[in-house]
Amino acid sequence: MYRAVVGEKDYRKAAWAVKNAGYATDPKYAEKLIGVIETNNLTKYDVNTKGVDLDLRIAIDAGHGNNTPGKRAPDDSMREFHFNSVVAKYVVEELRTYQGVLVEITHDPSGIRDIPLKERTDKANRWGADAFVSIHANAVGSAWSNANGIETYVYTSKPAGAVALATKVQAALIASTGLRDRGVKVANFHVLRETKMDAILVECGFMDNPAELALLKSDSYRRKCAQAIVSGLAKQFGLKKKSGVVAPTVPKEESSVDKNKPSAWAKKDWDEAVANGYFDGTRPQDNITREEMAVVVNRLRNNLLPLIYKK
């Protein structure tokens, strides 16, 4: 906490550092202190402030790279970096609509190179970031699973500022997505241990769960996650939108998934079901309606009853 306050030229950063470190019991401490300073024009007593960077610096990290071994869905229909990098891009664009915020990324946006973890944290530390957010999609292993939900990590020492930020981001993610709340957890991850600022790592859903994988592939879900992360950051640091600025939008990407073909993990069962007449062979990846379900059930019944009576 002392590193964040002593010698700090920006009174706003110093006020929030004291609050986020847990030394102020009043939840509105930072806003009140900043208000007193600005109302009474106390900044006129500042010295040597010319040329001083007064902006909040936030480092955004999209975990891994496009070809990182193992970091993909079991059917390889999505690489983790596909999700991480798009959400990171949306977060950066949204943060730039706020006053007094500078943003830097620590990953290779092309995904060609999986930037080493030390290089990522060294960059954030050298830049003097005030917060570090690493964005990920989760997985239990290389096979399909029922694991589900969202979780956010901080370092094992539970830095007060990081815990406060993680709590806000986690709450925003759950409120926005409606997925299971797996809570704020601790881990000895390099990006949490070696960063010299409040650092969190978010896991936005399981890519080895077919239902959550479908969400992770969705542009609307990616935007929800990005907006939730920014919402948590804005609450943590008291950020305010720039006047008259509309958040930039990214053209919706064309999905690389052919919706007219079954996923690799379901192809055998799908082909067999179609061959047996249970489905008509169209729209394999669409949701099924109640009336369509009624048709499938009746087809099953009509096929099974003769077999039962034969026995």
C-alpha atoms as a PDB file:
ATOM      1  CA  MET A   1       0.000   0.000   0.000  1.00  0.00           C
ATOM      2  CA  TYR A   2       2.820   2.409   0.889  1.00  0.00           C
ATOM      3  CA  ARG A   3       4.359   1.987  -2.570  1.00  0.00           C
ATOM      4  CA  ALA A   4       1.034   3.043  -4.084  1.00  0.00           C
ATOM      5  CA  VAL A   5       0.706   6.194  -1.927  1.00  0.00           C
ATOM      6  CA  VAL A   6       4.099   7.535  -0.903  1.00  0.00           C
ATOM      7  CA  GLY A   7       5.398   9.861  -3.589  1.00  0.00           C
ATOM      8  CA  GLU A   8       2.142   9.570  -5.587  1.00  0.00           C
ATOM      9  CA  LYS A   9       1.653  12.785  -7.568  1.00  0.00           C
ATOM     10  CA  ASP A  10      -2.010  12.080  -8.397  1.00  0.00           C
ATOM     11  CA  TYR A  11      -4.275  12.724  -5.393  1.00  0.00           C
ATOM     12  CA  ARG A  12      -7.013  10.596  -6.980  1.00  0.00           C
ATOM     13  CA  LYS A  13      -4.762   7.541  -7.217  1.00  0.00           C
ATOM     14  CA  ALA A  14      -3.537   8.070  -3.643  1.00  0.00           C
ATOM     15  CA  ALA A  15      -7.091   8.331  -2.285  1.00  0.00           C
ATOM     16  CA  TRP A  16      -8.174   5.149  -4.045  1.00  0.00           C
ATOM     17  CA  ALA A  17      -5.006   3.308  -2.966  1.00  0.00           C
ATOM     18  CA  VAL A  18      -5.788   4.017   0.691  1.00  0.00           C
ATOM     19  CA  LYS A  19      -9.399   2.902   0.222  1.00  0.00           C
ATOM     20  CA  ASN A  20      -8.573  -0.244  -1.764  1.00  0.00           C
ATOM     21  CA  ALA A  21      -5.890  -1.295   0.707  1.00  0.00           C
ATOM     22  CA  GLY A  22      -8.593  -1.602   3.353  1.00  0.00           C
ATOM     23  CA  TYR A  23      -7.448   1.251   5.609  1.00  0.00           C
ATOM     24  CA  ALA A  24     -10.690   3.210   5.226  1.00  0.00           C
ATOM     25  CA  THR A  25     -13.950   1.799   6.605  1.00  0.00           C
ATOM     26  CA  ASP A  26     -16.178   4.330   4.842  1.00  0.00           C
ATOM     27  CA  PRO A  27     -17.099   2.827   1.423  1.00  0.00           C
ATOM     28  CA  LYS A  28     -17.210   6.351  -0.035  1.00  0.00           C
ATOM     29  CA  TYR A  29     -13.870   7.402   1.497  1.00  0.00           C
ATOM     30  CA  ALA A  30     -12.039   7.958  -1.791  1.00  0.00           C
ATOM     31  CA  GLU A  31     -14.878   9.943  -3.388  1.00  0.00           C
ATOM     32  CA  LYS A  32     -15.249  12.121  -0.277  1.00  0.00           C
ATOM     33  CA  LEU A  33     -11.524  12.829   0.005  1.00  0.00           C
ATOM     34  CA  ILE A  34     -11.269  13.679  -3.699  1.00  0.00           C
ATOM     35  CA  GLY A  35     -14.331  15.910  -3.312  1.00  0.00           C
ATOM     36  CA  VAL A  36     -12.754  17.824  -0.409  1.00  0.00           C
ATOM     37  CA  ILE A  37      -9.547  18.355  -2.401  1.00  0.00           C
ATOM     38  CA  GLU A  38     -11.334  19.576  -5.503  1.00  0.00           C
ATOM     39  CA  THR A  39     -14.010  21.645  -3.717  1.00  0.00           C
ATOM     40  CA  ASN A  40     -11.370  23.565  -1.786  1.00  0.00           C
ATOM     41  CA  ASN A  41      -8.981  23.806  -4.726  1.00  0.00           C
ATOM     42  CA  LEU A  42      -6.223  22.192  -2.669  1.00  0.00           C
ATOM     43  CA  THR A  43      -4.362  21.155  -5.812  1.00  0.00           C
ATOM     44  CA  LYS A  44      -3.055  24.737  -6.023  1.00  0.00           C
ATOM     45  CA  TYR A  45      -0.568  23.716  -3.326  1.00  0.00           C
ATOM     46  CA  ASP A  46       0.851  20.900  -5.466  1.00  0.00           C
ATOM     47  CA  VAL A  47       4.436  21.343  -6.601  1.00  0.00           C
ATOM     48  CA  ASN A  48       6.413  19.880  -9.487  1.00  0.00           C
ATOM     49  CA  THR A  49       3.282  18.502 -11.145  1.00  0.00           C
ATOM     50  CA  LYS A  50       4.004  19.819 -14.623  1.00  0.00           C
ATOM     51  CA  GLY A  51       4.337  16.930 -17.029  1.00  0.00           C
ATOM     52  CA  VAL A  52       3.300  14.382 -14.402  1.00  0.00           C
ATOM     53  CA  ASP A  53       1.178  11.488 -15.687  1.00  0.00           C
ATOM     54  CA  LEU A  54      -2.108  11.658 -13.768  1.00  0.00           C
ATOM     55  CA  ASP A  55      -3.822   8.862 -15.689  1.00  0.00           C
ATOM     56  CA  LEU A  56      -4.857   5.480 -14.318  1.00  0.00           C
ATOM     57  CA  ARG A  57      -2.896   2.761 -16.104  1.00  0.00           C
ATOM     58  CA  ILE A  58      -4.598  -0.584 -16.721  1.00  0.00           C
ATOM     59  CA  ALA A  59      -2.819  -3.561 -18.307  1.00  0.00           C
ATOM     60  CA  ILE A  60      -5.018  -6.057 -20.137  1.00  0.00           C
ATOM     61  CA  ASP A  61      -3.719  -9.565 -20.801  1.00  0.00           C
ATOM     62  CA  ALA A  62      -5.303 -12.148 -23.116  1.00  0.00           C
ATOM     63  CA  GLY A  63      -3.998 -15.449 -21.811  1.00  0.00           C
ATOM     64  CA  HIS A  64      -1.881 -17.794 -23.982  1.00  0.00           C
ATOM     65  CA  GLY A  65      -1.572 -17.728 -27.790  1.00  0.00           C
ATOM     66  CA  ASN A  66      -3.418 -19.182 -30.744  1.00  0.00           C
ATOM     67  CA  ASN A  67      -1.238 -22.303 -30.890  1.00  0.00           C
ATOM     68  CA  THR A  68      -0.583 -22.894 -27.187  1.00  0.00           C
ATOM     69  CA  PRO A  69      -0.739 -26.702 -26.682  1.00  0.00           C
ATOM     70  CA  GLY A  70      -3.842 -27.921 -24.870  1.00  0.00           C
ATOM     71  CA  LYS A  71      -5.558 -24.549 -24.646  1.00  0.00           C
ATOM     72  CA  ARG A  72      -8.565 -25.422 -26.799  1.00  0.00           C
ATOM     73  CA  ALA A  73     -11.957 -27.112 -26.778  1.00  0.00           C
ATOM     74  CA  PRO A  74     -11.924 -30.931 -26.907  1.00  0.00           C
ATOM     75  CA  ASP A  75     -13.163 -30.865 -30.536  1.00  0.00           C
ATOM     76  CA  ASP A  76     -10.742 -28.021 -31.404  1.00  0.00           C
ATOM     77  CA  SER A  77     -13.678 -25.910 -32.596  1.00  0.00           C
ATOM     78  CA  MET A  78     -12.319 -23.019 -30.503  1.00  0.00           C
ATOM     79  CA  ARG A  79      -8.868 -22.156 -29.245  1.00  0.00           C
ATOM     80  CA  GLU A  80      -8.846 -20.416 -25.879  1.00  0.00           C
ATOM     81  CA  PHE A  81      -7.033 -17.451 -27.403  1.00  0.00           C
ATOM     82  CA  HIS A  82      -9.967 -16.935 -29.795  1.00  0.00           C
ATOM     83  CA  PHE A  83     -12.088 -16.021 -26.771  1.00  0.00           C
ATOM     84  CA  ASN A  84      -9.410 -14.312 -24.684  1.00  0.00           C
ATOM     85  CA  SER A  85      -8.177 -11.975 -27.414  1.00  0.00           C
ATOM     86  CA  VAL A  86     -11.616 -10.799 -28.553  1.00  0.00           C
ATOM     87  CA  VAL A  87     -12.764 -10.061 -24.995  1.00  0.00           C
ATOM     88  CA  ALA A  88      -9.476  -8.233 -24.332  1.00  0.00           C
ATOM     89  CA  LYS A  89     -10.027  -6.137 -27.479  1.00  0.00           C
ATOM     90  CA  TYR A  90     -13.529  -5.190 -26.335  1.00  0.00           C
ATOM     91  CA  VAL A  91     -12.260  -4.343 -22.833  1.00  0.00           C
ATOM     92  CA  VAL A  92      -9.561  -2.048 -24.234  1.00  0.00           C
ATOM     93  CA  GLU A  93     -12.043  -0.258 -26.492  1.00  0.00           C
ATOM     94  CA  GLU A  94     -14.528   0.235 -23.659  1.00  0.00           C
ATOM     95  CA  LEU A  95     -11.888   1.473 -21.195  1.00  0.00           C
ATOM     96  CA  ARG A  96     -10.829   4.127 -23.690  1.00  0.00           C
ATOM     97  CA  THR A  97     -14.270   5.725 -23.364  1.00  0.00           C
ATOM     98  CA  TYR A  98     -13.463   6.665 -19.746  1.00  0.00           C
ATOM     99  CA  GLN A  99     -11.702   9.787 -18.492  1.00  0.00           C
ATOM    100  CA  GLY A 100      -8.098   9.607 -17.325  1.00  0.00           C
ATOM    101  CA  VAL A 101      -7.421   5.993 -18.326  1.00  0.00           C
ATOM    102  CA  LEU A 102      -4.452   4.628 -20.238  1.00  0.00           C
ATOM    103  CA  VAL A 103      -4.564   1.033 -21.475  1.00  0.00           C
ATOM    104  CA  GLU A 104      -1.787  -1.330 -22.531  1.00  0.00           C
ATOM    105  CA  ILE A 105      -1.909  -4.963 -23.643  1.00  0.00           C
ATOM    106  CA  THR A 106       0.700  -7.569 -22.704  1.00  0.00           C
ATOM    107  CA  HIS A 107      -0.158 -10.258 -25.291  1.00  0.00           C
ATOM    108  CA  ASP A 108       0.420 -10.593 -29.022  1.00  0.00           C
ATOM    109  CA  PRO A 109      -2.958  -9.614 -30.544  1.00  0.00           C
ATOM    110  CA  SER A 110      -2.263 -11.755 -33.611  1.00  0.00           C
ATOM    111  CA  GLY A 111      -1.926 -14.824 -31.419  1.00  0.00           C
ATOM    112  CA  ILE A 112       1.069 -16.024 -33.421  1.00  0.00           C
ATOM    113  CA  ARG A 113       3.385 -15.725 -30.452  1.00  0.00           C
ATOM    114  CA  ASP A 114       2.470 -16.882 -26.952  1.00  0.00           C
ATOM    115  CA  ILE A 115       4.264 -14.150 -25.027  1.00  0.00           C
ATOM    116  CA  PRO A 116       6.208 -15.697 -22.095  1.00  0.00           C
ATOM    117  CA  LEU A 117       4.670 -14.939 -18.713  1.00  0.00           C
ATOM    118  CA  LYS A 118       7.784 -13.120 -17.469  1.00  0.00           C
ATOM    119  CA  GLU A 119       7.741 -10.871 -20.511  1.00  0.00           C
ATOM    120  CA  ARG A 120       4.089 -10.032 -19.837  1.00  0.00           C
ATOM    121  CA  THR A 121       4.595  -9.116 -16.179  1.00  0.00           C
ATOM    122  CA  ASP A 122       7.855  -7.286 -16.888  1.00  0.00           C
ATOM    123  CA  LYS A 123       6.036  -5.128 -19.436  1.00  0.00           C
ATOM    124  CA  ALA A 124       3.217  -4.278 -17.003  1.00  0.00           C
ATOM    125  CA  ASN A 125       5.687  -3.492 -14.206  1.00  0.00           C
ATOM    126  CA  ARG A 126       7.940  -1.387 -16.425  1.00  0.00           C
ATOM    127  CA  TRP A 127       4.935   0.566 -17.725  1.00  0.00           C
ATOM    128  CA  GLY A 128       3.836   1.314 -14.168  1.00  0.00           C
ATOM    129  CA  ALA A 129       0.381  -0.244 -14.405  1.00  0.00           C
ATOM    130  CA  ASP A 130      -2.054   0.396 -11.544  1.00  0.00           C
ATOM    131  CA  ALA A 131      -4.095  -2.725 -12.310  1.00  0.00           C
ATOM    132  CA  PHE A 132      -3.586  -5.925 -14.313  1.00  0.00           C
ATOM    133  CA  VAL A 133      -6.409  -8.093 -15.685  1.00  0.00           C
ATOM    134  CA  SER A 134      -5.686 -11.455 -17.320  1.00  0.00           C
ATOM    135  CA  ILE A 135      -8.572 -12.902 -19.351  1.00  0.00           C
ATOM    136  CA  HIS A 136      -9.119 -16.661 -19.794  1.00  0.00           C
ATOM    137  CA  ALA A 137     -11.544 -19.462 -20.597  1.00  0.00           C
ATOM    138  CA  ASN A 138     -11.465 -22.430 -18.230  1.00  0.00           C
ATOM    139  CA  ALA A 139     -11.107 -26.214 -18.689  1.00  0.00           C
ATOM    140  CA  VAL A 140     -10.810 -29.274 -16.485  1.00  0.00           C
ATOM    141  CA  GLY A 141      -8.876 -31.265 -19.079  1.00  0.00           C
ATOM    142  CA  SER A 142      -8.838 -32.350 -22.721  1.00  0.00           C
ATOM    143  CA  ALA A 143     -12.136 -34.307 -22.588  1.00  0.00           C
ATOM    144  CA  TRP A 144     -15.724 -33.096 -22.291  1.00  0.00           C
ATOM    145  CA  SER A 145     -16.909 -32.359 -18.740  1.00  0.00           C
ATOM    146  CA  ASN A 146     -19.829 -30.980 -16.740  1.00  0.00           C
ATOM    147  CA  ALA A 147     -17.694 -28.311 -15.019  1.00  0.00           C
ATOM    148  CA  ASN A 148     -19.381 -24.941 -15.202  1.00  0.00           C
ATOM    149  CA  GLY A 149     -19.319 -21.341 -14.006  1.00  0.00           C
ATOM    150  CA  ILE A 150     -17.066 -18.324 -13.643  1.00  0.00           C
ATOM    151  CA  GLU A 151     -14.275 -17.677 -11.149  1.00  0.00           C
ATOM    152  CA  THR A 152     -11.761 -14.913 -10.520  1.00  0.00           C
ATOM    153  CA  TYR A 153      -8.296 -15.353  -9.007  1.00  0.00           C
ATOM    154  CA  VAL A 154      -5.973 -13.232  -6.882  1.00  0.00           C
ATOM    155  CA  TYR A 155      -2.525 -14.075  -5.495  1.00  0.00           C
ATOM    156  CA  THR A 156      -2.281 -16.320  -2.424  1.00  0.00           C
ATOM    157  CA  SER A 157      -1.374 -13.417  -0.119  1.00  0.00           C
ATOM    158  CA  LYS A 158      -4.794 -11.904  -0.897  1.00  0.00           C
ATOM    159  CA  PRO A 159      -3.723  -8.277  -1.524  1.00  0.00           C
ATOM    160  CA  ALA A 160      -6.609  -6.118  -0.312  1.00  0.00           C
ATOM    161  CA  GLY A 161      -6.793  -4.037  -3.492  1.00  0.00           C
ATOM    162  CA  ALA A 162      -6.733  -7.106  -5.740  1.00  0.00           C
ATOM    163  CA  VAL A 163      -9.419  -8.840  -3.671  1.00  0.00           C
ATOM    164  CA  ALA A 164     -11.617  -5.732  -3.840  1.00  0.00           C
ATOM    165  CA  LEU A 165     -11.196  -5.536  -7.621  1.00  0.00           C
ATOM    166  CA  ALA A 166     -11.758  -9.282  -8.082  1.00  0.00           C
ATOM    167  CA  THR A 167     -14.920  -9.162  -5.988  1.00  0.00           C
ATOM    168  CA  LYS A 168     -16.378  -6.365  -8.110  1.00  0.00           C
ATOM    169  CA  VAL A 169     -15.442  -7.984 -11.430  1.00  0.00           C
ATOM    170  CA  GLN A 170     -16.728 -11.399 -10.348  1.00  0.00           C
ATOM    171  CA  ALA A 171     -20.059  -9.931  -9.220  1.00  0.00           C
ATOM    172  CA  ALA A 172     -20.432  -8.049 -12.509  1.00  0.00           C
ATOM    173  CA  LEU A 173     -19.649 -11.172 -14.561  1.00  0.00           C
ATOM    174  CA  ILE A 174     -22.241 -13.261 -12.724  1.00  0.00           C
ATOM    175  CA  ALA A 175     -24.890 -10.538 -12.925  1.00  0.00           C
ATOM    176  CA  SER A 176     -24.265 -10.100 -16.661  1.00  0.00           C
ATOM    177  CA  THR A 177     -23.999 -13.752 -17.744  1.00  0.00           C
ATOM    178  CA  GLY A 178     -26.164 -15.598 -15.211  1.00  0.00           C
ATOM    179  CA  LEU A 179     -23.620 -18.426 -14.979  1.00  0.00           C
ATOM    180  CA  ARG A 180     -22.747 -20.258 -11.766  1.00  0.00           C
ATOM    181  CA  ASP A 181     -20.748 -18.174  -9.292  1.00  0.00           C
ATOM    182  CA  ARG A 182     -17.576 -20.112  -8.407  1.00  0.00           C
ATOM    183  CA  GLY A 183     -16.322 -17.160  -6.371  1.00  0.00           C
ATOM    184  CA  VAL A 184     -13.038 -15.327  -5.849  1.00  0.00           C
ATOM    185  CA  LYS A 185     -10.159 -17.777  -5.370  1.00  0.00           C
ATOM    186  CA  VAL A 186      -6.422 -17.675  -4.733  1.00  0.00           C
ATOM    187  CA  ALA A 187      -3.636 -19.168  -6.842  1.00  0.00           C
ATOM    188  CA  ASN A 188       0.108 -18.939  -7.241  1.00  0.00           C
ATOM    189  CA  PHE A 189      -0.111 -17.928 -10.894  1.00  0.00           C
ATOM    190  CA  HIS A 190       2.910 -16.090 -12.311  1.00  0.00           C
ATOM    191  CA  VAL A 191       0.874 -13.118 -13.534  1.00  0.00           C
ATOM    192  CA  LEU A 192      -0.567 -12.646 -10.039  1.00  0.00           C
ATOM    193  CA  ARG A 193       2.685 -13.255  -8.166  1.00  0.00           C
ATOM    194  CA  GLU A 194       5.137 -11.240 -10.253  1.00  0.00           C
ATOM    195  CA  THR A 195       3.067  -8.123 -10.956  1.00  0.00           C
ATOM    196  CA  LYS A 196       3.678  -5.061  -8.772  1.00  0.00           C
ATOM    197  CA  MET A 197       0.099  -3.826  -8.914  1.00  0.00           C
ATOM    198  CA  ASP A 198      -3.373  -5.131  -8.114  1.00  0.00           C
ATOM    199  CA  ALA A 199      -3.716  -8.139 -10.399  1.00  0.00           C
ATOM    200  CA  ILE A 200      -6.596 -10.498 -11.119  1.00  0.00           C
ATOM    201  CA  LEU A 201      -7.195 -13.421 -13.483  1.00  0.00           C
ATOM    202  CA  VAL A 202     -10.725 -14.158 -14.713  1.00  0.00           C
ATOM    203  CA  GLU A 203     -11.973 -17.545 -15.974  1.00  0.00           C
ATOM    204  CA  CYS A 204     -15.127 -16.798 -17.968  1.00  0.00           C
ATOM    205  CA  GLY A 205     -16.566 -20.287 -18.477  1.00  0.00           C
ATOM    206  CA  PHE A 206     -15.532 -23.842 -19.363  1.00  0.00           C
ATOM    207  CA  MET A 207     -14.636 -24.616 -22.962  1.00  0.00           C
ATOM    208  CA  ASP A 208     -14.781 -28.373 -22.191  1.00  0.00           C
ATOM    209  CA  ASN A 209     -18.473 -28.007 -21.288  1.00  0.00           C
ATOM    210  CA  PRO A 210     -20.494 -28.102 -24.563  1.00  0.00           C
ATOM    211  CA  ALA A 211     -23.113 -25.618 -23.333  1.00  0.00           C
ATOM    212  CA  GLU A 212     -20.579 -23.086 -22.064  1.00  0.00           C
ATOM    213  CA  LEU A 213     -18.391 -23.582 -25.126  1.00  0.00           C
ATOM    214  CA  ALA A 214     -21.320 -22.411 -27.251  1.00  0.00           C
ATOM    215  CA  LEU A 215     -21.481 -19.262 -25.126  1.00  0.00           C
ATOM    216  CA  LEU A 216     -17.734 -18.682 -25.309  1.00  0.00           C
ATOM    217  CA  LYS A 217     -17.985 -18.773 -29.112  1.00  0.00           C
ATOM    218  CA  SER A 218     -20.774 -16.184 -29.099  1.00  0.00           C
ATOM    219  CA  ASP A 219     -19.950 -12.571 -29.854  1.00  0.00           C
ATOM    220  CA  SER A 220     -22.754 -11.365 -27.581  1.00  0.00           C
ATOM    221  CA  TYR A 221     -21.371 -13.390 -24.652  1.00  0.00           C
ATOM    222  CA  ARG A 222     -17.861 -12.071 -25.274  1.00  0.00           C
ATOM    223  CA  ARG A 223     -19.190  -8.517 -25.188  1.00  0.00           C
ATOM    224  CA  LYS A 224     -21.063  -9.252 -21.946  1.00  0.00           C
ATOM    225  CA  CYS A 225     -17.853 -10.484 -20.333  1.00  0.00           C
ATOM    226  CA  ALA A 226     -15.899  -7.456 -21.547  1.00  0.00           C
ATOM    227  CA  GLN A 227     -18.513  -5.006 -20.302  1.00  0.00           C
ATOM    228  CA  ALA A 228     -18.659  -6.765 -16.928  1.00  0.00           C
ATOM    229  CA  ILE A 229     -14.875  -6.587 -16.512  1.00  0.00           C
ATOM    230  CA  VAL A 230     -14.900  -2.873 -17.337  1.00  0.00           C
ATOM    231  CA  SER A 231     -17.841  -2.328 -14.981  1.00  0.00           C
ATOM    232  CA  GLY A 232     -15.850  -3.870 -12.130  1.00  0.00           C
ATOM    233  CA  LEU A 233     -12.819  -1.719 -12.937  1.00  0.00           C
ATOM    234  CA  ALA A 234     -14.972   1.410 -13.127  1.00  0.00           C
ATOM    235  CA  LYS A 235     -16.495   0.718  -9.699  1.00  0.00           C
ATOM    236  CA  GLN A 236     -13.124  -0.057  -8.175  1.00  0.00           C
ATOM    237  CA  PHE A 237     -11.425   3.112  -9.388  1.00  0.00           C
ATOM    238  CA  GLY A 238     -14.383   5.490  -9.600  1.00  0.00           C
ATOM    239  CA  LEU A 239     -14.025   5.911 -13.363  1.00  0.00           C
ATOM    240  CA  LYS A 240     -16.245   8.325 -15.261  1.00  0.00           C
ATOM    241  CA  LYS A 241     -17.197   8.247 -18.928  1.00  0.00           C
ATOM    242  CA  LYS A 242     -15.806  10.877 -21.270  1.00  0.00           C
ATOM    243  CA  SER A 243     -18.371  13.491 -22.177  1.00  0.00           C
ATOM    244  CA  GLY A 244     -20.194  12.784 -25.427  1.00  0.00           C
ATOM    245  CA  VAL A 245     -18.149   9.708 -26.274  1.00  0.00           C
ATOM    246  CA  VAL A 246     -19.933   6.593 -27.490  1.00  0.00           C
ATOM    247  CA  ALA A 247     -18.244   3.272 -26.816  1.00  0.00           C
ATOM    248  CA  PRO A 248     -16.689   1.921 -30.015  1.00  0.00           C
ATOM    249  CA  THR A 249     -18.142  -1.197 -31.578  1.00  0.00           C
ATOM    250  CA  VAL A 250     -16.384  -4.028 -33.312  1.00  0.00           C
ATOM    251  CA  PRO A 251     -17.948  -5.500 -36.462  1.00  0.00           C
ATOM    252  CA  LYS A 252     -19.426  -8.871 -35.628  1.00  0.00           C
ATOM    253  CA  GLU A 253     -17.106 -11.595 -36.767  1.00  0.00           C
ATOM    254  CA  GLU A 254     -18.377 -14.287 -39.061  1.00  0.00           C
ATOM    255  CA  SER A 255     -18.418 -17.546 -37.141  1.00  0.00           C
ATOM    256  CA  SER A 256     -15.910 -20.136 -38.346  1.00  0.00           C
ATOM    257  CA  VAL A 257     -18.313 -22.855 -37.206  1.00  0.00           C
ATOM    258  CA  ASP A 258     -20.609 -24.339 -39.861  1.00  0.00           C
ATOM    259  CA  LYS A 259     -23.996 -24.504 -38.128  1.00  0.00           C
ATOM    260  CA  ASN A 260     -25.259 -26.916 -40.811  1.00  0.00           C
ATOM    261  CA  LYS A 261     -22.801 -29.594 -39.704  1.00  0.00           C
ATOM    262  CA  PRO A 262     -22.702 -31.393 -36.336  1.00  0.00           C
ATOM    263  CA  SER A 263     -19.727 -30.785 -34.027  1.00  0.00           C
ATOM    264  CA  ALA A 264     -17.009 -33.412 -34.188  1.00  0.00           C
ATOM    265  CA  TRP A 265     -17.832 -34.727 -30.718  1.00  0.00           C
ATOM    266  CA  ALA A 266     -21.510 -35.299 -31.679  1.00  0.00           C
ATOM    267  CA  LYS A 267     -21.175 -36.371 -35.324  1.00  0.00           C
ATOM    268  CA  LYS A 268     -21.398 -40.152 -34.805  1.00  0.00           C
ATOM    269  CA  ASP A 269     -24.531 -39.941 -32.640  1.00  0.00           C
ATOM    270  CA  TRP A 270     -26.096 -37.313 -34.894  1.00  0.00           C
ATOM    271  CA  ASP A 271     -25.576 -39.405 -38.033  1.00  0.00           C
ATOM    272  CA  GLU A 272     -27.028 -42.465 -36.320  1.00  0.00           C
ATOM    273  CA  ALA A 273     -30.075 -40.516 -35.064  1.00  0.00           C
ATOM    274  CA  VAL A 274     -30.703 -39.140 -38.568  1.00  0.00           C
ATOM    275  CA  ALA A 275     -30.297 -42.608 -40.126  1.00  0.00           C
ATOM    276  CA  ASN A 276     -32.889 -43.972 -37.693  1.00  0.00           C
ATOM    277  CA  GLY A 277     -35.347 -41.229 -38.631  1.00  0.00           C
ATOM    278  CA  TYR A 278     -35.358 -39.374 -35.295  1.00  0.00           C
ATOM    279  CA  PHE A 279     -34.153 -36.114 -36.879  1.00  0.00           C
ATOM    280  CA  ASP A 280     -34.460 -34.805 -40.429  1.00  0.00           C
ATOM    281  CA  GLY A 281     -30.740 -34.013 -40.716  1.00  0.00           C
ATOM    282  CA  THR A 282     -31.041 -30.208 -40.714  1.00  0.00           C
ATOM    283  CA  ARG A 283     -29.920 -27.578 -38.183  1.00  0.00           C
ATOM    284  CA  PRO A 284     -27.774 -29.903 -36.008  1.00  0.00           C
ATOM    285  CA  GLN A 285     -26.531 -27.097 -33.744  1.00  0.00           C
ATOM    286  CA  ASP A 286     -29.845 -25.271 -33.202  1.00  0.00           C
ATOM    287  CA  ASN A 287     -31.859 -25.381 -29.990  1.00  0.00           C
ATOM    288  CA  ILE A 288     -34.836 -27.747 -30.095  1.00  0.00           C
ATOM    289  CA  THR A 289     -38.385 -26.435 -29.524  1.00  0.00           C
ATOM    290  CA  ARG A 290     -41.062 -28.217 -27.487  1.00  0.00           C
ATOM    291  CA  GLU A 291     -43.000 -29.128 -30.636  1.00  0.00           C
ATOM    292  CA  GLU A 292     -39.869 -30.496 -32.262  1.00  0.00           C
ATOM    293  CA  MET A 293     -39.216 -32.504 -29.124  1.00  0.00           C
ATOM    294  CA  ALA A 294     -42.750 -33.921 -29.364  1.00  0.00           C
ATOM    295  CA  VAL A 295     -42.019 -35.112 -32.900  1.00  0.00           C
ATOM    296  CA  VAL A 296     -38.749 -36.740 -31.811  1.00  0.00           C
ATOM    297  CA  VAL A 297     -40.420 -38.467 -28.845  1.00  0.00           C
ATOM    298  CA  ASN A 298     -43.183 -39.850 -31.062  1.00  0.00           C
ATOM    299  CA  ARG A 299     -40.639 -41.114 -33.595  1.00  0.00           C
ATOM    300  CA  LEU A 300     -38.743 -42.841 -30.801  1.00  0.00           C
ATOM    301  CA  ARG A 301     -41.955 -44.360 -29.457  1.00  0.00           C
ATOM    302  CA  ASN A 302     -43.055 -45.597 -32.873  1.00  0.00           C
ATOM    303  CA  ASN A 303     -39.664 -47.193 -33.483  1.00  0.00           C
ATOM    304  CA  LEU A 304     -39.264 -48.717 -30.021  1.00  0.00           C
ATOM    305  CA  LEU A 305     -42.744 -50.184 -29.510  1.00  0.00           C
ATOM    306  CA  PRO A 306     -42.488 -52.695 -32.384  1.00  0.00           C
ATOM    307  CA  LEU A 307     -39.132 -53.828 -31.046  1.00  0.00           C
ATOM    308  CA  ILE A 308     -40.566 -54.284 -27.549  1.00  0.00           C
ATOM    309  CA  TYR A 309     -43.603 -56.242 -28.750  1.00  0.00           C
ATOM    310  CA  LYS A 310     -41.382 -58.476 -30.922  1.00  0.00           C
ATOM    311  CA  LYS A 311     -39.667 -59.617 -27.749  1.00  0.00           C
END
